[in-house]
Amino acid sequence: MADMPVLRGGITLAAIAAICTALVAVTFELTDDRIEKNAQAWLEQSLLPVLAGVSFDSGIGENRLAIAAPHELPGNDDAMIYRVYAGDSPAAALFVVSARDGYSGPIRLLVGLDTSGIVTGLSVLEHRETPGLGDGIESRNWQEQFVGKSLENPAGNRWNIRGDGGEFDALTGASVTPRAVVKAVRETLEYYAANRGIIFATANAPEKATK
């Protein structure tokens, strides 16, 4: 009989554990859908700024294409492309890529292109550039100089910062950082020009994208 209190205690603990597990499962079921919807809303709000002037009616983050490294897009890690549609027709492609040659490391970028290969917007997602110098790439005014640009505008060597004979503004006291961003945007345009048909193909063929 001396073991009865221990047995009762074990049964009680097991019952409490079962109840807690059930409560966690019910809570997860009730909140999982809400969390997913909130995450989707946050993603779409993050992507929206690079779609200036683009008419679309699809969800921005619903149709994505992962490009495994190594690839010909900027950066050494995996890249992501969000495909945006107007009805059944492609409207834009949003590229999450990395400028390799930042002063303090890779610079994570979001580059928006319309179906003609024209830049609709640029956003800096992540960087470790020097405060007060390289972090000027966060400025919306600096980023907007890319809007409307394409491989043909500017052409050739003009896809550089002004100090290198190009058309893009550098930053006071910092040229490495903007040079890396300009190069990454140009490389994204080149990849799009070579892979447009594959990018907007059915979701069953992402592996055919140029590596």
N, C-alpha and C. Protein backbone atom coordinates (compact mmCIF):
# COMPACT_ATOMS: atom_id res chain seq x y z
N MET A 1 0.82 -1.20 0.00
CA MET A 1 0.00 0.00 0.00
C MET A 1 0.86 1.26 0.00
N ALA A 2 2.10 1.10 0.42
CA ALA A 2 2.96 2.29 0.47
C ALA A 2 3.19 2.86 -0.91
N ASP A 3 3.01 1.99 -1.94
CA ASP A 3 3.24 2.46 -3.31
C ASP A 3 2.04 3.19 -3.89
N MET A 4 0.89 3.16 -3.20
CA MET A 4 -0.32 3.77 -3.74
C MET A 4 -0.18 5.28 -3.96
N PRO A 5 0.37 6.04 -3.00
CA PRO A 5 0.53 7.49 -3.24
C PRO A 5 1.40 7.78 -4.45
N VAL A 6 2.46 6.95 -4.61
CA VAL A 6 3.35 7.15 -5.76
C VAL A 6 2.59 6.86 -7.05
N LEU A 7 1.79 5.79 -7.02
CA LEU A 7 1.00 5.42 -8.20
C LEU A 7 -0.01 6.50 -8.55
N ARG A 8 -0.69 6.99 -7.48
CA ARG A 8 -1.68 8.05 -7.73
C ARG A 8 -1.00 9.30 -8.30
N GLY A 9 0.18 9.61 -7.72
CA GLY A 9 0.91 10.78 -8.22
C GLY A 9 1.29 10.64 -9.67
N GLY A 10 1.73 9.40 -10.05
CA GLY A 10 2.08 9.16 -11.44
C GLY A 10 0.90 9.29 -12.37
N ILE A 11 -0.24 8.74 -11.93
CA ILE A 11 -1.45 8.84 -12.75
C ILE A 11 -1.87 10.29 -12.91
N THR A 12 -1.79 11.05 -11.80
CA THR A 12 -2.17 12.47 -11.85
C THR A 12 -1.28 13.25 -12.82
N LEU A 13 0.05 12.99 -12.74
CA LEU A 13 0.97 13.68 -13.64
C LEU A 13 0.72 13.31 -15.09
N ALA A 14 0.43 12.03 -15.33
CA ALA A 14 0.14 11.60 -16.70
C ALA A 14 -1.11 12.27 -17.23
N ALA A 15 -2.14 12.39 -16.35
CA ALA A 15 -3.39 13.04 -16.76
C ALA A 15 -3.16 14.51 -17.07
N ILE A 16 -2.37 15.18 -16.23
CA ILE A 16 -2.07 16.61 -16.46
C ILE A 16 -1.32 16.78 -17.77
N ALA A 17 -0.34 15.88 -18.02
CA ALA A 17 0.43 15.96 -19.27
C ALA A 17 -0.47 15.77 -20.47
N ALA A 18 -1.39 14.82 -20.39
CA ALA A 18 -2.31 14.57 -21.50
C ALA A 18 -3.20 15.77 -21.76
N ILE A 19 -3.70 16.39 -20.67
CA ILE A 19 -4.56 17.57 -20.82
C ILE A 19 -3.77 18.72 -21.46
N CYS A 20 -2.53 18.93 -20.98
CA CYS A 20 -1.71 20.02 -21.54
C CYS A 20 -1.42 19.78 -23.02
N THR A 21 -1.13 18.53 -23.37
CA THR A 21 -0.86 18.20 -24.78
C THR A 21 -2.09 18.48 -25.64
N ALA A 22 -3.26 18.10 -25.11
CA ALA A 22 -4.49 18.34 -25.85
C ALA A 22 -4.75 19.83 -26.02
N LEU A 23 -4.49 20.61 -24.96
CA LEU A 23 -4.70 22.06 -25.04
C LEU A 23 -3.76 22.69 -26.06
N VAL A 24 -2.50 22.24 -26.06
CA VAL A 24 -1.54 22.77 -27.03
C VAL A 24 -1.98 22.44 -28.45
N ALA A 25 -2.45 21.22 -28.66
CA ALA A 25 -2.89 20.81 -30.00
C ALA A 25 -4.09 21.63 -30.45
N VAL A 26 -5.05 21.86 -29.55
CA VAL A 26 -6.23 22.65 -29.90
C VAL A 26 -5.84 24.09 -30.19
N THR A 27 -4.96 24.64 -29.35
CA THR A 27 -4.50 26.02 -29.57
C THR A 27 -3.79 26.16 -30.90
N PHE A 28 -2.95 25.17 -31.24
CA PHE A 28 -2.25 25.20 -32.52
C PHE A 28 -3.23 25.17 -33.68
N GLU A 29 -4.24 24.31 -33.60
CA GLU A 29 -5.23 24.22 -34.66
C GLU A 29 -5.98 25.53 -34.84
N LEU A 30 -6.25 26.21 -33.72
CA LEU A 30 -7.02 27.45 -33.78
C LEU A 30 -6.19 28.62 -34.31
N THR A 31 -4.88 28.60 -34.03
CA THR A 31 -4.04 29.76 -34.37
C THR A 31 -3.19 29.56 -35.61
N ASP A 32 -3.00 28.32 -36.05
CA ASP A 32 -2.11 28.04 -37.17
C ASP A 32 -2.55 28.78 -38.43
N ASP A 33 -3.83 28.73 -38.75
CA ASP A 33 -4.34 29.39 -39.94
C ASP A 33 -4.16 30.90 -39.85
N ARG A 34 -4.40 31.45 -38.65
CA ARG A 34 -4.24 32.89 -38.46
C ARG A 34 -2.78 33.30 -38.62
N ILE A 35 -1.87 32.50 -38.06
CA ILE A 35 -0.44 32.80 -38.18
C ILE A 35 -0.02 32.77 -39.64
N GLU A 36 -0.50 31.77 -40.38
CA GLU A 36 -0.15 31.66 -41.80
C GLU A 36 -0.68 32.86 -42.59
N LYS A 37 -1.90 33.29 -42.29
CA LYS A 37 -2.46 34.45 -43.00
C LYS A 37 -1.70 35.72 -42.66
N ASN A 38 -1.31 35.87 -41.39
CA ASN A 38 -0.54 37.05 -40.99
C ASN A 38 0.84 37.06 -41.66
N ALA A 39 1.46 35.88 -41.75
CA ALA A 39 2.76 35.79 -42.40
C ALA A 39 2.64 36.14 -43.88
N GLN A 40 1.57 35.68 -44.52
CA GLN A 40 1.36 35.99 -45.93
C GLN A 40 1.13 37.48 -46.13
N ALA A 41 0.35 38.09 -45.23
CA ALA A 41 0.09 39.53 -45.32
C ALA A 41 1.39 40.32 -45.14
N TRP A 42 2.23 39.90 -44.19
CA TRP A 42 3.50 40.59 -43.96
C TRP A 42 4.40 40.46 -45.19
N LEU A 43 4.44 39.26 -45.79
CA LEU A 43 5.25 39.05 -46.98
C LEU A 43 4.80 39.95 -48.11
N GLU A 44 3.49 40.02 -48.34
CA GLU A 44 2.98 40.84 -49.44
C GLU A 44 3.27 42.31 -49.20
N GLN A 45 3.17 42.78 -47.97
CA GLN A 45 3.48 44.17 -47.67
C GLN A 45 4.96 44.46 -47.90
N SER A 46 5.82 43.46 -47.66
CA SER A 46 7.25 43.64 -47.87
C SER A 46 7.61 43.70 -49.35
N LEU A 47 6.86 42.95 -50.16
CA LEU A 47 7.15 42.89 -51.60
C LEU A 47 6.51 44.02 -52.39
N LEU A 48 5.42 44.56 -51.87
CA LEU A 48 4.63 45.54 -52.61
C LEU A 48 5.41 46.78 -53.07
N PRO A 49 6.33 47.33 -52.26
CA PRO A 49 7.00 48.58 -52.67
C PRO A 49 7.78 48.51 -53.98
N VAL A 50 8.15 47.32 -54.44
CA VAL A 50 8.93 47.24 -55.68
C VAL A 50 8.05 47.00 -56.90
N LEU A 51 6.74 47.18 -56.74
CA LEU A 51 5.82 46.94 -57.86
C LEU A 51 5.18 48.25 -58.35
N ALA A 52 5.90 49.33 -58.28
CA ALA A 52 5.37 50.62 -58.69
C ALA A 52 4.95 50.59 -60.17
N GLY A 53 3.71 50.98 -60.42
CA GLY A 53 3.22 51.07 -61.78
C GLY A 53 2.81 49.76 -62.42
N VAL A 54 2.85 48.67 -61.68
CA VAL A 54 2.48 47.36 -62.22
C VAL A 54 1.04 47.04 -61.86
N SER A 55 0.23 46.68 -62.85
CA SER A 55 -1.15 46.26 -62.61
C SER A 55 -1.18 44.75 -62.47
N PHE A 56 -1.74 44.27 -61.37
CA PHE A 56 -1.79 42.83 -61.14
C PHE A 56 -2.98 42.52 -60.25
N ASP A 57 -3.41 41.26 -60.28
CA ASP A 57 -4.53 40.86 -59.43
C ASP A 57 -4.25 39.55 -58.70
N SER A 58 -3.03 39.04 -58.79
CA SER A 58 -2.68 37.83 -58.05
C SER A 58 -2.10 38.20 -56.71
N GLY A 59 -2.06 37.24 -55.79
CA GLY A 59 -1.34 37.46 -54.55
C GLY A 59 0.15 37.58 -54.84
N ILE A 60 0.82 38.51 -54.19
CA ILE A 60 2.22 38.77 -54.53
C ILE A 60 3.12 37.60 -54.14
N GLY A 61 2.87 36.99 -53.00
CA GLY A 61 3.76 35.94 -52.53
C GLY A 61 3.27 34.54 -52.78
N GLU A 62 2.22 34.38 -53.58
CA GLU A 62 1.60 33.07 -53.75
C GLU A 62 2.36 32.17 -54.72
N ASN A 63 3.00 32.75 -55.72
CA ASN A 63 3.62 31.95 -56.78
C ASN A 63 5.13 32.20 -56.77
N ARG A 64 5.84 31.32 -56.14
CA ARG A 64 7.28 31.53 -55.97
C ARG A 64 8.09 30.44 -56.66
N LEU A 65 9.30 30.79 -57.00
CA LEU A 65 10.20 29.88 -57.69
C LEU A 65 11.56 29.95 -57.01
N ALA A 66 11.99 28.86 -56.40
CA ALA A 66 13.29 28.82 -55.73
C ALA A 66 14.36 28.38 -56.74
N ILE A 67 15.47 29.10 -56.76
CA ILE A 67 16.59 28.78 -57.63
C ILE A 67 17.77 28.38 -56.74
N ALA A 68 18.11 27.11 -56.78
CA ALA A 68 19.18 26.60 -55.92
C ALA A 68 20.55 27.06 -56.42
N ALA A 69 21.42 27.40 -55.49
CA ALA A 69 22.81 27.73 -55.83
C ALA A 69 23.55 26.45 -56.21
N PRO A 70 24.54 26.54 -57.11
CA PRO A 70 25.00 27.76 -57.80
C PRO A 70 24.10 28.11 -58.98
N HIS A 71 24.02 29.41 -59.26
CA HIS A 71 23.20 29.90 -60.35
C HIS A 71 23.84 31.17 -60.91
N GLU A 72 23.21 31.75 -61.91
CA GLU A 72 23.78 32.94 -62.55
C GLU A 72 23.17 34.23 -62.05
N LEU A 73 22.34 34.13 -61.03
CA LEU A 73 21.85 35.33 -60.36
C LEU A 73 22.90 35.84 -59.39
N PRO A 74 22.80 37.09 -58.94
CA PRO A 74 23.75 37.59 -57.95
C PRO A 74 23.66 36.78 -56.65
N GLY A 75 24.79 36.51 -56.05
CA GLY A 75 24.82 35.85 -54.75
C GLY A 75 25.25 34.40 -54.82
N ASN A 76 25.75 33.91 -53.69
CA ASN A 76 26.24 32.54 -53.60
C ASN A 76 25.25 31.60 -52.93
N ASP A 77 24.17 32.15 -52.36
CA ASP A 77 23.18 31.31 -51.73
C ASP A 77 21.96 31.16 -52.63
N ASP A 78 20.98 30.39 -52.18
CA ASP A 78 19.78 30.20 -52.99
C ASP A 78 19.07 31.53 -53.23
N ALA A 79 18.42 31.64 -54.38
CA ALA A 79 17.66 32.84 -54.72
C ALA A 79 16.17 32.49 -54.78
N MET A 80 15.33 33.50 -54.65
CA MET A 80 13.89 33.30 -54.70
C MET A 80 13.30 34.29 -55.71
N ILE A 81 12.36 33.80 -56.52
CA ILE A 81 11.66 34.65 -57.47
C ILE A 81 10.16 34.56 -57.18
N TYR A 82 9.53 35.72 -56.96
CA TYR A 82 8.08 35.78 -56.79
C TYR A 82 7.47 36.24 -58.11
N ARG A 83 6.55 35.42 -58.64
CA ARG A 83 5.94 35.73 -59.93
C ARG A 83 4.55 36.32 -59.71
N VAL A 84 4.30 37.44 -60.36
CA VAL A 84 3.06 38.19 -60.17
C VAL A 84 2.30 38.21 -61.50
N TYR A 85 0.98 38.05 -61.42
CA TYR A 85 0.17 37.91 -62.63
C TYR A 85 -1.00 38.89 -62.65
N ALA A 86 -1.42 39.22 -63.86
CA ALA A 86 -2.68 39.93 -64.11
C ALA A 86 -3.55 38.96 -64.88
N GLY A 87 -4.52 38.36 -64.20
CA GLY A 87 -5.27 37.27 -64.81
C GLY A 87 -4.34 36.10 -65.04
N ASP A 88 -4.29 35.60 -66.26
CA ASP A 88 -3.38 34.49 -66.60
C ASP A 88 -2.07 34.98 -67.20
N SER A 89 -1.91 36.28 -67.31
CA SER A 89 -0.72 36.84 -67.97
C SER A 89 0.31 37.30 -66.94
N PRO A 90 1.59 37.02 -67.19
CA PRO A 90 2.64 37.51 -66.29
C PRO A 90 2.63 39.04 -66.22
N ALA A 91 2.87 39.55 -65.02
CA ALA A 91 2.90 41.00 -64.82
C ALA A 91 4.27 41.47 -64.34
N ALA A 92 4.92 40.70 -63.48
CA ALA A 92 6.22 41.11 -62.93
C ALA A 92 6.88 39.92 -62.26
N ALA A 93 8.18 40.04 -62.07
CA ALA A 93 8.95 39.05 -61.31
C ALA A 93 9.77 39.80 -60.27
N LEU A 94 9.70 39.32 -59.04
CA LEU A 94 10.44 39.94 -57.94
C LEU A 94 11.55 38.99 -57.51
N PHE A 95 12.79 39.47 -57.56
CA PHE A 95 13.96 38.63 -57.30
C PHE A 95 14.55 38.97 -55.94
N VAL A 96 14.71 37.97 -55.10
CA VAL A 96 15.45 38.12 -53.85
C VAL A 96 16.84 37.56 -54.09
N VAL A 97 17.84 38.45 -54.17
CA VAL A 97 19.20 38.06 -54.53
C VAL A 97 20.18 38.74 -53.58
N SER A 98 21.47 38.45 -53.74
CA SER A 98 22.50 39.05 -52.89
C SER A 98 23.61 39.65 -53.73
N ALA A 99 23.91 40.93 -53.46
CA ALA A 99 25.10 41.54 -54.05
C ALA A 99 26.31 40.99 -53.31
N ARG A 100 27.18 40.31 -54.01
CA ARG A 100 28.29 39.61 -53.36
C ARG A 100 29.34 40.56 -52.80
N ASP A 101 29.52 41.70 -53.44
CA ASP A 101 30.73 42.50 -53.23
C ASP A 101 30.52 43.71 -52.33
N GLY A 102 29.62 43.60 -51.36
CA GLY A 102 29.45 44.70 -50.42
C GLY A 102 30.71 44.93 -49.61
N TYR A 103 30.88 46.11 -49.07
CA TYR A 103 32.08 46.45 -48.31
C TYR A 103 32.21 45.57 -47.07
N SER A 104 31.08 45.27 -46.42
CA SER A 104 31.10 44.49 -45.18
C SER A 104 30.43 43.13 -45.33
N GLY A 105 30.24 42.69 -46.56
CA GLY A 105 29.63 41.40 -46.79
C GLY A 105 28.50 41.48 -47.80
N PRO A 106 27.81 40.38 -48.04
CA PRO A 106 26.71 40.37 -49.01
C PRO A 106 25.59 41.32 -48.62
N ILE A 107 24.93 41.87 -49.64
CA ILE A 107 23.80 42.78 -49.44
C ILE A 107 22.57 42.12 -50.04
N ARG A 108 21.59 41.83 -49.22
CA ARG A 108 20.38 41.15 -49.67
C ARG A 108 19.44 42.17 -50.30
N LEU A 109 19.01 41.90 -51.53
CA LEU A 109 18.22 42.85 -52.30
C LEU A 109 16.92 42.22 -52.78
N LEU A 110 15.92 43.07 -52.97
CA LEU A 110 14.69 42.69 -53.65
C LEU A 110 14.60 43.56 -54.90
N VAL A 111 14.61 42.92 -56.07
CA VAL A 111 14.59 43.64 -57.35
C VAL A 111 13.32 43.27 -58.10
N GLY A 112 12.51 44.28 -58.45
CA GLY A 112 11.29 44.05 -59.20
C GLY A 112 11.49 44.37 -60.67
N LEU A 113 11.04 43.47 -61.56
CA LEU A 113 11.13 43.68 -63.00
C LEU A 113 9.76 43.43 -63.62
N ASP A 114 9.35 44.28 -64.57
CA ASP A 114 8.13 43.98 -65.29
C ASP A 114 8.44 43.02 -66.43
N THR A 115 7.42 42.64 -67.18
CA THR A 115 7.63 41.61 -68.20
C THR A 115 8.54 42.06 -69.33
N SER A 116 8.73 43.37 -69.48
CA SER A 116 9.63 43.88 -70.53
C SER A 116 11.08 43.96 -70.07
N GLY A 117 11.33 43.59 -68.81
CA GLY A 117 12.69 43.68 -68.30
C GLY A 117 13.06 45.07 -67.85
N ILE A 118 12.08 45.81 -67.36
CA ILE A 118 12.31 47.16 -66.82
C ILE A 118 12.17 47.11 -65.31
N VAL A 119 13.10 47.74 -64.60
CA VAL A 119 13.09 47.74 -63.15
C VAL A 119 11.88 48.52 -62.63
N THR A 120 11.07 47.86 -61.80
CA THR A 120 9.91 48.52 -61.19
C THR A 120 10.21 49.00 -59.78
N GLY A 121 11.27 48.50 -59.19
CA GLY A 121 11.62 48.94 -57.85
C GLY A 121 12.79 48.16 -57.29
N LEU A 122 13.41 48.73 -56.28
CA LEU A 122 14.53 48.11 -55.59
C LEU A 122 14.37 48.34 -54.10
N SER A 123 14.63 47.31 -53.32
CA SER A 123 14.58 47.43 -51.87
C SER A 123 15.76 46.68 -51.28
N VAL A 124 16.38 47.27 -50.27
CA VAL A 124 17.49 46.61 -49.57
C VAL A 124 16.90 45.88 -48.37
N LEU A 125 17.04 44.56 -48.36
CA LEU A 125 16.44 43.73 -47.31
C LEU A 125 17.37 43.55 -46.11
N GLU A 126 18.66 43.42 -46.38
CA GLU A 126 19.60 43.14 -45.30
C GLU A 126 21.01 43.53 -45.73
N HIS A 127 21.76 44.12 -44.81
CA HIS A 127 23.16 44.45 -45.10
C HIS A 127 23.90 44.70 -43.79
N ARG A 128 25.22 44.78 -43.88
CA ARG A 128 26.06 45.09 -42.73
C ARG A 128 27.03 46.22 -43.09
N GLU A 129 26.57 47.11 -43.96
CA GLU A 129 27.44 48.20 -44.41
C GLU A 129 27.64 49.25 -43.31
N THR A 130 28.67 50.06 -43.46
CA THR A 130 29.07 51.01 -42.43
C THR A 130 28.01 52.08 -42.20
N PRO A 131 27.56 52.24 -40.95
CA PRO A 131 26.58 53.31 -40.65
C PRO A 131 27.13 54.68 -41.02
N GLY A 132 26.30 55.48 -41.65
CA GLY A 132 26.70 56.82 -42.06
C GLY A 132 27.40 56.87 -43.39
N LEU A 133 27.74 55.72 -43.95
CA LEU A 133 28.41 55.67 -45.26
C LEU A 133 27.65 54.71 -46.17
N GLY A 134 27.99 53.44 -46.12
CA GLY A 134 27.36 52.46 -46.99
C GLY A 134 25.89 52.25 -46.75
N ASP A 135 25.42 52.57 -45.54
CA ASP A 135 23.99 52.35 -45.27
C ASP A 135 23.10 53.35 -46.00
N GLY A 136 23.71 54.26 -46.77
CA GLY A 136 22.92 55.17 -47.60
C GLY A 136 22.11 54.45 -48.67
N ILE A 137 22.44 53.19 -48.93
CA ILE A 137 21.66 52.41 -49.90
C ILE A 137 20.24 52.14 -49.39
N GLU A 138 19.99 52.39 -48.11
CA GLU A 138 18.65 52.24 -47.56
C GLU A 138 17.72 53.38 -47.98
N SER A 139 18.30 54.47 -48.43
CA SER A 139 17.50 55.65 -48.79
C SER A 139 16.59 55.36 -49.97
N ARG A 140 15.31 55.69 -49.81
CA ARG A 140 14.36 55.49 -50.90
C ARG A 140 14.75 56.32 -52.11
N ASN A 141 15.27 57.54 -51.88
CA ASN A 141 15.68 58.39 -53.00
C ASN A 141 16.81 57.74 -53.79
N TRP A 142 17.77 57.13 -53.08
CA TRP A 142 18.87 56.47 -53.78
C TRP A 142 18.36 55.26 -54.56
N GLN A 143 17.47 54.50 -53.97
CA GLN A 143 16.94 53.29 -54.62
C GLN A 143 16.11 53.63 -55.86
N GLU A 144 15.42 54.76 -55.83
CA GLU A 144 14.51 55.10 -56.93
C GLU A 144 15.22 55.42 -58.24
N GLN A 145 16.54 55.65 -58.20
CA GLN A 145 17.25 55.92 -59.45
C GLN A 145 17.27 54.70 -60.37
N PHE A 146 16.95 53.52 -59.83
CA PHE A 146 16.93 52.30 -60.64
C PHE A 146 15.59 52.10 -61.35
N VAL A 147 14.55 52.73 -60.87
CA VAL A 147 13.22 52.53 -61.45
C VAL A 147 13.19 53.01 -62.89
N GLY A 148 12.67 52.17 -63.78
CA GLY A 148 12.60 52.52 -65.19
C GLY A 148 13.83 52.13 -65.98
N LYS A 149 14.85 51.63 -65.31
CA LYS A 149 16.07 51.23 -66.02
C LYS A 149 15.93 49.81 -66.58
N SER A 150 16.74 49.51 -67.59
CA SER A 150 16.74 48.20 -68.22
C SER A 150 18.14 47.94 -68.77
N LEU A 151 18.34 46.80 -69.42
CA LEU A 151 19.65 46.52 -70.00
C LEU A 151 20.02 47.51 -71.09
N GLU A 152 19.00 48.05 -71.76
CA GLU A 152 19.24 49.02 -72.83
C GLU A 152 19.26 50.46 -72.32
N ASN A 153 18.84 50.68 -71.12
CA ASN A 153 18.75 52.03 -70.57
C ASN A 153 19.18 52.02 -69.09
N PRO A 154 20.48 52.33 -68.84
CA PRO A 154 21.51 52.73 -69.80
C PRO A 154 22.16 51.51 -70.45
N ALA A 155 22.83 51.74 -71.54
CA ALA A 155 23.43 50.64 -72.29
C ALA A 155 24.90 50.46 -71.91
N GLY A 156 25.37 49.24 -72.10
CA GLY A 156 26.80 48.94 -71.98
C GLY A 156 27.42 49.36 -70.67
N ASN A 157 28.56 50.05 -70.78
CA ASN A 157 29.34 50.43 -69.62
C ASN A 157 28.69 51.51 -68.75
N ARG A 158 27.57 52.04 -69.21
CA ARG A 158 26.88 53.05 -68.41
C ARG A 158 26.18 52.43 -67.20
N TRP A 159 26.12 51.09 -67.16
CA TRP A 159 25.59 50.41 -65.97
C TRP A 159 26.70 50.34 -64.92
N ASN A 160 27.07 51.52 -64.42
CA ASN A 160 28.09 51.68 -63.39
C ASN A 160 27.79 52.93 -62.58
N ILE A 161 28.49 53.11 -61.50
CA ILE A 161 28.36 54.37 -60.77
C ILE A 161 29.08 55.45 -61.56
N ARG A 162 28.76 56.68 -61.27
CA ARG A 162 29.31 57.80 -62.05
C ARG A 162 30.83 57.85 -62.00
N GLY A 163 31.40 57.47 -60.87
CA GLY A 163 32.86 57.48 -60.75
C GLY A 163 33.53 56.50 -61.67
N ASP A 164 32.77 55.52 -62.16
CA ASP A 164 33.31 54.54 -63.11
C ASP A 164 32.81 54.79 -64.52
N GLY A 165 32.28 56.00 -64.75
CA GLY A 165 31.80 56.35 -66.08
C GLY A 165 30.36 55.97 -66.34
N GLY A 166 29.62 55.61 -65.29
CA GLY A 166 28.24 55.18 -65.46
C GLY A 166 27.23 56.26 -65.12
N GLU A 167 25.98 55.86 -64.95
CA GLU A 167 24.89 56.80 -64.75
C GLU A 167 24.32 56.79 -63.34
N PHE A 168 24.84 55.94 -62.46
CA PHE A 168 24.23 55.79 -61.15
C PHE A 168 25.02 56.51 -60.06
N ASP A 169 24.30 57.16 -59.17
CA ASP A 169 24.92 57.90 -58.09
C ASP A 169 25.60 56.95 -57.11
N ALA A 170 26.76 57.35 -56.64
CA ALA A 170 27.42 56.62 -55.57
C ALA A 170 26.92 57.20 -54.24
N LEU A 171 27.68 57.06 -53.20
CA LEU A 171 27.36 57.63 -51.90
C LEU A 171 28.57 58.41 -51.42
N THR A 172 28.35 59.49 -50.73
CA THR A 172 29.46 60.30 -50.23
C THR A 172 30.35 59.46 -49.32
N GLY A 173 31.60 59.31 -49.72
CA GLY A 173 32.55 58.55 -48.91
C GLY A 173 32.46 57.05 -49.09
N ALA A 174 31.58 56.60 -49.98
CA ALA A 174 31.44 55.15 -50.16
C ALA A 174 31.13 54.84 -51.62
N SER A 175 31.99 54.07 -52.25
CA SER A 175 31.75 53.67 -53.64
C SER A 175 31.61 52.16 -53.79
N VAL A 176 32.23 51.40 -52.88
CA VAL A 176 32.18 49.94 -52.97
C VAL A 176 30.76 49.43 -52.85
N THR A 177 30.03 49.95 -51.88
CA THR A 177 28.66 49.48 -51.63
C THR A 177 27.73 49.75 -52.81
N PRO A 178 27.61 50.99 -53.29
CA PRO A 178 26.72 51.22 -54.43
C PRO A 178 27.19 50.51 -55.69
N ARG A 179 28.49 50.37 -55.87
CA ARG A 179 28.99 49.63 -57.04
C ARG A 179 28.50 48.18 -57.00
N ALA A 180 28.48 47.58 -55.82
CA ALA A 180 28.01 46.20 -55.68
C ALA A 180 26.52 46.08 -55.99
N VAL A 181 25.74 47.06 -55.56
CA VAL A 181 24.29 47.02 -55.81
C VAL A 181 24.00 47.20 -57.30
N VAL A 182 24.67 48.15 -57.93
CA VAL A 182 24.47 48.38 -59.36
C VAL A 182 24.80 47.11 -60.15
N LYS A 183 25.90 46.48 -59.80
CA LYS A 183 26.30 45.24 -60.48
C LYS A 183 25.25 44.14 -60.29
N ALA A 184 24.72 44.03 -59.08
CA ALA A 184 23.73 42.99 -58.79
C ALA A 184 22.43 43.22 -59.56
N VAL A 185 22.00 44.45 -59.66
CA VAL A 185 20.77 44.74 -60.41
C VAL A 185 20.98 44.43 -61.89
N ARG A 186 22.14 44.80 -62.43
CA ARG A 186 22.43 44.50 -63.84
C ARG A 186 22.45 42.98 -64.07
N GLU A 187 23.08 42.23 -63.18
CA GLU A 187 23.13 40.78 -63.33
C GLU A 187 21.74 40.16 -63.24
N THR A 188 20.87 40.74 -62.42
CA THR A 188 19.49 40.25 -62.33
C THR A 188 18.77 40.48 -63.65
N LEU A 189 18.97 41.64 -64.25
CA LEU A 189 18.38 41.93 -65.56
C LEU A 189 18.89 40.95 -66.62
N GLU A 190 20.17 40.65 -66.59
CA GLU A 190 20.75 39.72 -67.57
C GLU A 190 20.17 38.32 -67.40
N TYR A 191 20.00 37.90 -66.16
CA TYR A 191 19.41 36.58 -65.90
C TYR A 191 17.97 36.55 -66.40
N TYR A 192 17.23 37.60 -66.13
CA TYR A 192 15.83 37.65 -66.57
C TYR A 192 15.74 37.58 -68.10
N ALA A 193 16.61 38.32 -68.78
CA ALA A 193 16.59 38.33 -70.24
C ALA A 193 16.84 36.93 -70.80
N ALA A 194 17.69 36.16 -70.14
CA ALA A 194 18.04 34.83 -70.63
C ALA A 194 17.04 33.75 -70.22
N ASN A 195 16.22 34.04 -69.18
CA ASN A 195 15.38 32.99 -68.61
C ASN A 195 13.91 33.37 -68.47
N ARG A 196 13.48 34.43 -69.14
CA ARG A 196 12.11 34.90 -68.94
C ARG A 196 11.08 33.80 -69.16
N GLY A 197 11.21 33.06 -70.26
CA GLY A 197 10.23 32.03 -70.57
C GLY A 197 10.16 30.95 -69.51
N ILE A 198 11.30 30.58 -68.96
CA ILE A 198 11.34 29.56 -67.92
C ILE A 198 10.79 30.09 -66.61
N ILE A 199 11.11 31.34 -66.29
CA ILE A 199 10.64 31.93 -65.04
C ILE A 199 9.13 31.91 -64.96
N PHE A 200 8.46 32.20 -66.07
CA PHE A 200 7.00 32.25 -66.07
C PHE A 200 6.35 30.98 -66.60
N ALA A 201 7.16 29.91 -66.71
CA ALA A 201 6.59 28.62 -67.11
C ALA A 201 5.81 28.03 -65.94
N THR A 202 5.21 26.88 -66.14
CA THR A 202 4.44 26.25 -65.08
C THR A 202 5.34 25.90 -63.91
N ALA A 203 4.73 25.75 -62.75
CA ALA A 203 5.48 25.46 -61.54
C ALA A 203 6.16 24.10 -61.60
N ASN A 204 5.84 23.28 -62.62
CA ASN A 204 6.44 21.96 -62.70
C ASN A 204 7.83 21.97 -63.31
N ALA A 205 8.28 23.16 -63.79
CA ALA A 205 9.57 23.17 -64.49
C ALA A 205 10.60 24.11 -63.90
N PRO A 206 10.60 24.37 -62.57
CA PRO A 206 11.59 25.31 -62.05
C PRO A 206 13.02 24.82 -62.18
N GLU A 207 13.21 23.49 -62.19
CA GLU A 207 14.57 22.97 -62.24
C GLU A 207 15.26 23.25 -63.56
N LYS A 208 14.51 23.70 -64.57
CA LYS A 208 15.11 23.95 -65.87
C LYS A 208 15.76 25.32 -65.96
N ALA A 209 15.59 26.15 -64.92
CA ALA A 209 16.18 27.48 -64.96
C ALA A 209 17.70 27.36 -65.03
N THR A 210 18.33 28.34 -65.67
CA THR A 210 19.77 28.33 -65.85
C THR A 210 20.48 28.27 -64.51
N LYS A 211 21.42 27.40 -64.38
CA LYS A 211 22.18 27.25 -63.14
C LYS A 211 23.53 27.94 -63.27
